[in-house]
N, C-alpha and C. Protein backbone atom coordinates (compact mmCIF):
# COMPACT_ATOMS: atom_id res chain seq x y z
N MET A 1 -9.56 -15.57 -5.22
CA MET A 1 -8.53 -15.15 -5.49
C MET A 1 -7.42 -13.79 -5.44
N ARG A 2 -7.81 -12.58 -4.29
CA ARG A 2 -6.79 -11.79 -3.84
C ARG A 2 -6.39 -11.93 -3.40
N ASP A 3 -6.32 -13.11 -2.58
CA ASP A 3 -5.22 -13.67 -1.72
C ASP A 3 -4.32 -14.78 -2.01
N VAL A 4 -4.03 -15.01 -3.77
CA VAL A 4 -3.55 -15.56 -4.18
C VAL A 4 -2.47 -14.09 -5.26
N ILE A 5 -3.40 -13.35 -5.36
CA ILE A 5 -2.68 -12.38 -5.97
C ILE A 5 -1.50 -11.48 -5.49
N VAL A 6 -2.05 -10.84 -4.33
CA VAL A 6 -1.79 -10.30 -2.79
C VAL A 6 -0.02 -11.28 -2.68
N ASP A 7 -0.47 -12.47 -2.81
CA ASP A 7 0.88 -13.54 -2.11
C ASP A 7 2.14 -13.25 -3.87
N HIS A 8 1.20 -13.50 -5.02
CA HIS A 8 2.65 -13.83 -6.19
C HIS A 8 2.48 -12.39 -5.97
N LEU A 9 2.54 -10.61 -5.77
CA LEU A 9 2.98 -9.96 -5.28
C LEU A 9 3.87 -9.62 -4.41
N GLU A 10 3.40 -9.82 -3.25
CA GLU A 10 4.63 -9.66 -2.55
C GLU A 10 5.77 -11.18 -2.29
N ARG A 11 5.93 -11.64 -3.26
CA ARG A 11 6.83 -13.03 -3.22
C ARG A 11 7.78 -12.41 -4.84
N ASN A 12 6.72 -11.16 -5.90
CA ASN A 12 8.22 -11.31 -6.78
C ASN A 12 7.79 -9.65 -7.34
N ILE A 13 7.18 -8.77 -6.46
CA ILE A 13 7.12 -7.49 -6.80
C ILE A 13 7.91 -7.26 -5.69
N PRO A 14 8.96 -6.17 -4.82
CA PRO A 14 9.90 -5.70 -4.00
C PRO A 14 8.75 -4.79 -3.28
N ILE A 15 8.18 -4.69 -2.18
CA ILE A 15 6.84 -3.88 -1.89
C ILE A 15 7.30 -3.66 -0.14
N GLN A 16 7.15 -2.53 -0.08
CA GLN A 16 8.33 -1.23 0.83
C GLN A 16 7.87 -1.87 2.05
N ASP A 17 8.59 -2.12 3.16
CA ASP A 17 7.93 -2.74 4.57
C ASP A 17 7.02 -1.96 4.82
N SER A 18 7.02 -0.31 4.49
CA SER A 18 6.52 1.32 4.93
C SER A 18 4.54 0.62 4.19
N GLN A 19 4.72 -0.17 3.85
CA GLN A 19 3.25 -0.46 2.38
C GLN A 19 2.54 -0.87 3.32
N HIS A 20 1.43 -0.14 3.62
CA HIS A 20 -0.63 -1.02 4.69
C HIS A 20 -0.88 -1.14 3.28
N GLY A 21 -2.08 -1.16 4.41
CA GLY A 21 -4.35 -1.29 3.90
C GLY A 21 -4.30 -2.50 3.29
N PHE A 22 -3.49 -3.20 2.67
CA PHE A 22 -3.48 -4.71 1.67
C PHE A 22 -3.19 -5.74 1.86
N ARG A 23 -2.59 -5.06 2.90
CA ARG A 23 -1.56 -6.68 4.01
C ARG A 23 -1.57 -7.05 4.91
N LYS A 24 -1.16 -8.46 4.61
CA LYS A 24 -1.24 -9.65 6.06
C LYS A 24 -0.54 -8.82 7.38
N GLY A 25 -1.21 -7.96 7.97
CA GLY A 25 -0.48 -7.86 9.98
C GLY A 25 -0.24 -6.40 9.26
N ARG A 26 -0.53 -5.67 8.27
CA ARG A 26 -0.60 -4.51 8.34
C ARG A 26 -1.89 -3.73 7.69
N SER A 27 -2.33 -3.05 8.32
CA SER A 27 -3.76 -2.78 7.81
C SER A 27 -4.07 -1.20 8.26
N CYS A 28 -5.00 0.30 8.09
CA CYS A 28 -4.33 1.40 8.09
C CYS A 28 -4.27 1.85 9.62
N LEU A 29 -4.66 0.84 10.15
CA LEU A 29 -4.30 1.00 11.86
C LEU A 29 -3.15 0.78 12.42
N ALA A 30 -2.82 -0.19 11.03
CA ALA A 30 -0.93 -0.04 11.67
C ALA A 30 0.15 0.51 11.25
N ASN A 31 -0.38 1.57 10.56
CA ASN A 31 0.33 2.82 10.02
C ASN A 31 -0.19 3.75 10.64
N LEU A 32 -0.66 3.57 11.01
CA LEU A 32 -1.34 5.05 12.01
C LEU A 32 -0.17 5.09 13.26
N LEU A 33 -0.36 3.60 13.73
CA LEU A 33 0.40 3.21 14.64
C LEU A 33 1.84 3.62 15.00
N ALA A 34 2.52 3.22 13.32
CA ALA A 34 3.62 3.25 12.76
C ALA A 34 4.08 4.81 13.19
N PHE A 35 3.52 6.13 11.87
CA PHE A 35 3.87 7.14 12.59
C PHE A 35 3.58 7.23 13.23
N LEU A 36 2.10 7.67 14.21
CA LEU A 36 2.54 8.21 15.39
C LEU A 36 4.58 7.88 15.99
N ASP A 37 4.24 6.35 15.95
CA ASP A 37 5.72 6.12 16.65
C ASP A 37 6.58 6.83 16.57
N LYS A 38 6.94 7.19 15.35
CA LYS A 38 8.37 7.32 14.64
C LYS A 38 8.34 9.16 15.14
N VAL A 39 6.50 9.88 15.17
CA VAL A 39 6.02 11.65 15.21
C VAL A 39 6.61 11.24 16.62
N THR A 40 6.42 10.23 18.33
CA THR A 40 6.55 10.36 19.40
C THR A 40 8.60 10.03 19.65
N GLU A 41 8.87 9.45 18.81
CA GLU A 41 10.38 9.77 18.93
C GLU A 41 10.76 10.38 18.39
N SER A 42 10.71 10.88 16.84
CA SER A 42 11.69 12.26 17.06
C SER A 42 11.22 13.28 17.70
N ILE A 43 9.77 13.03 18.71
CA ILE A 43 9.88 15.01 19.41
C ILE A 43 10.36 14.61 20.83
N ASN A 44 10.54 13.20 21.60
CA ASN A 44 11.53 12.81 22.21
C ASN A 44 12.91 13.04 22.07
N ASN A 45 13.52 12.93 20.81
CA ASN A 45 14.78 13.91 20.56
C ASN A 45 15.00 15.19 20.15
N GLY A 46 13.88 16.08 20.91
CA GLY A 46 13.93 17.51 20.45
C GLY A 46 13.77 17.83 19.27
N LEU A 47 13.47 16.85 18.42
CA LEU A 47 13.28 17.12 16.61
C LEU A 47 11.69 17.93 17.20
N CYS A 48 11.63 18.75 15.49
CA CYS A 48 10.56 19.71 14.82
C CYS A 48 9.33 18.48 14.17
N VAL A 49 8.16 17.77 13.78
CA VAL A 49 8.16 17.40 13.42
C VAL A 49 6.37 18.43 12.66
N ASP A 50 6.70 18.42 11.57
CA ASP A 50 5.36 19.38 10.70
C ASP A 50 4.47 17.79 10.43
N VAL A 51 3.55 18.15 10.03
CA VAL A 51 2.65 16.51 8.93
C VAL A 51 1.60 17.65 8.03
N ILE A 52 1.71 16.91 7.25
CA ILE A 52 1.05 17.22 6.04
C ILE A 52 -0.40 16.65 5.87
N LEU A 53 -1.70 16.40 6.36
CA LEU A 53 -2.71 15.32 6.09
C LEU A 53 -3.46 15.35 4.62
N LEU A 54 -3.40 15.18 3.59
CA LEU A 54 -3.78 14.75 2.12
C LEU A 54 -5.16 13.29 2.30
N ASP A 55 -6.22 13.53 1.57
CA ASP A 55 -7.24 13.05 1.65
C ASP A 55 -7.15 12.29 -0.33
N PHE A 56 -6.59 11.45 -0.18
CA PHE A 56 -6.85 11.10 -1.67
C PHE A 56 -7.85 10.14 -2.19
N ALA A 57 -8.94 9.92 -0.92
CA ALA A 57 -10.06 9.02 -1.66
C ALA A 57 -10.47 9.38 -2.83
N LYS A 58 -11.30 10.26 -2.92
CA LYS A 58 -11.32 10.25 -4.74
C LYS A 58 -10.44 9.87 -6.04
N ALA A 59 -9.14 10.28 -5.44
CA ALA A 59 -8.18 10.39 -6.91
C ALA A 59 -8.26 8.66 -7.07
N PHE A 60 -8.41 8.04 -6.49
CA PHE A 60 -8.78 6.47 -6.53
C PHE A 60 -10.68 5.72 -7.45
N ASP A 61 -11.30 6.34 -7.42
CA ASP A 61 -12.32 6.36 -7.96
C ASP A 61 -12.46 6.14 -9.53
N PRO A 62 -11.93 6.78 -10.43
CA PRO A 62 -12.43 6.82 -11.58
C PRO A 62 -10.79 5.02 -11.81
N VAL A 63 -11.11 4.59 -11.40
CA VAL A 63 -9.77 3.34 -12.17
C VAL A 63 -10.23 2.94 -13.67
N LEU A 64 -9.47 2.89 -14.18
CA LEU A 64 -10.14 3.41 -15.97
C LEU A 64 -9.52 1.68 -15.49
N HIS A 65 -10.38 0.91 -16.25
CA HIS A 65 -9.48 -1.34 -15.78
C HIS A 65 -8.85 -1.81 -16.63
N GLN A 66 -9.28 -1.33 -18.40
CA GLN A 66 -8.09 -1.75 -19.29
C GLN A 66 -6.12 -1.16 -18.43
N HIS A 67 -5.94 -0.28 -17.91
CA HIS A 67 -5.10 0.26 -17.07
C HIS A 67 -4.37 -0.54 -16.01
N LEU A 68 -5.24 -1.12 -14.71
CA LEU A 68 -5.00 -1.67 -14.26
C LEU A 68 -4.60 -3.45 -14.10
N LEU A 69 -5.54 -4.38 -15.75
CA LEU A 69 -5.11 -5.06 -16.52
C LEU A 69 -4.17 -5.23 -16.28
N ARG A 70 -3.81 -4.21 -17.40
CA ARG A 70 -2.83 -3.84 -18.36
C ARG A 70 -0.87 -3.76 -16.92
N LYS A 71 -1.44 -3.24 -16.02
CA LYS A 71 -0.75 -3.17 -14.77
C LYS A 71 -0.29 -4.56 -14.25
N LEU A 72 -1.19 -5.33 -13.58
CA LEU A 72 -1.39 -6.08 -13.36
C LEU A 72 -1.05 -7.46 -14.37
N ARG A 73 -0.75 -8.08 -15.98
CA ARG A 73 -0.37 -8.61 -16.47
C ARG A 73 1.23 -8.63 -16.95
N ALA A 74 1.27 -6.33 -16.76
CA ALA A 74 3.18 -6.65 -16.66
C ALA A 74 3.48 -7.04 -14.98
N ASN A 75 3.05 -7.08 -14.24
CA ASN A 75 3.92 -7.27 -13.38
C ASN A 75 3.73 -9.53 -12.95
N GLY A 76 3.35 -9.94 -13.82
CA GLY A 76 3.04 -11.43 -13.78
C GLY A 76 1.87 -11.82 -13.34
N ILE A 77 0.36 -11.49 -13.84
CA ILE A 77 -0.81 -12.36 -13.17
C ILE A 77 -1.17 -12.97 -14.50
N HIS A 78 -1.15 -13.88 -14.78
CA HIS A 78 -1.48 -14.66 -15.77
C HIS A 78 -3.14 -14.08 -16.18
N GLU A 79 -3.33 -14.12 -18.11
CA GLU A 79 -4.44 -14.22 -18.68
C GLU A 79 -5.58 -15.68 -17.72
N LYS A 80 -4.70 -16.23 -17.46
CA LYS A 80 -6.25 -17.13 -16.36
C LYS A 80 -6.76 -16.91 -15.86
N ILE A 81 -6.53 -15.40 -15.00
CA ILE A 81 -7.11 -14.88 -13.72
C ILE A 81 -7.80 -14.45 -14.44
N PHE A 82 -8.12 -13.43 -15.08
CA PHE A 82 -8.92 -12.10 -15.97
C PHE A 82 -10.09 -12.94 -16.16
N LYS A 83 -9.72 -14.43 -16.95
CA LYS A 83 -10.65 -15.55 -17.76
C LYS A 83 -11.96 -15.39 -16.31
């Protein structure tokens, strides 16, 4: 079911290429490598690089299911899937 929902969202909702984590071929490791490539490129071009890392892991723990379902419905996920 996850694959069907992600496929629907990728076909119908503009998801930026920089989005990683749940997309095929775009793992968290791929995101880290893309970031490292940008940092290395900037340093090689003589630019300064500042990095601020934030851990949002706990920010997404308390997902209110009704809000999630409302967002899915708004993006074209049909009622049949919820049942």
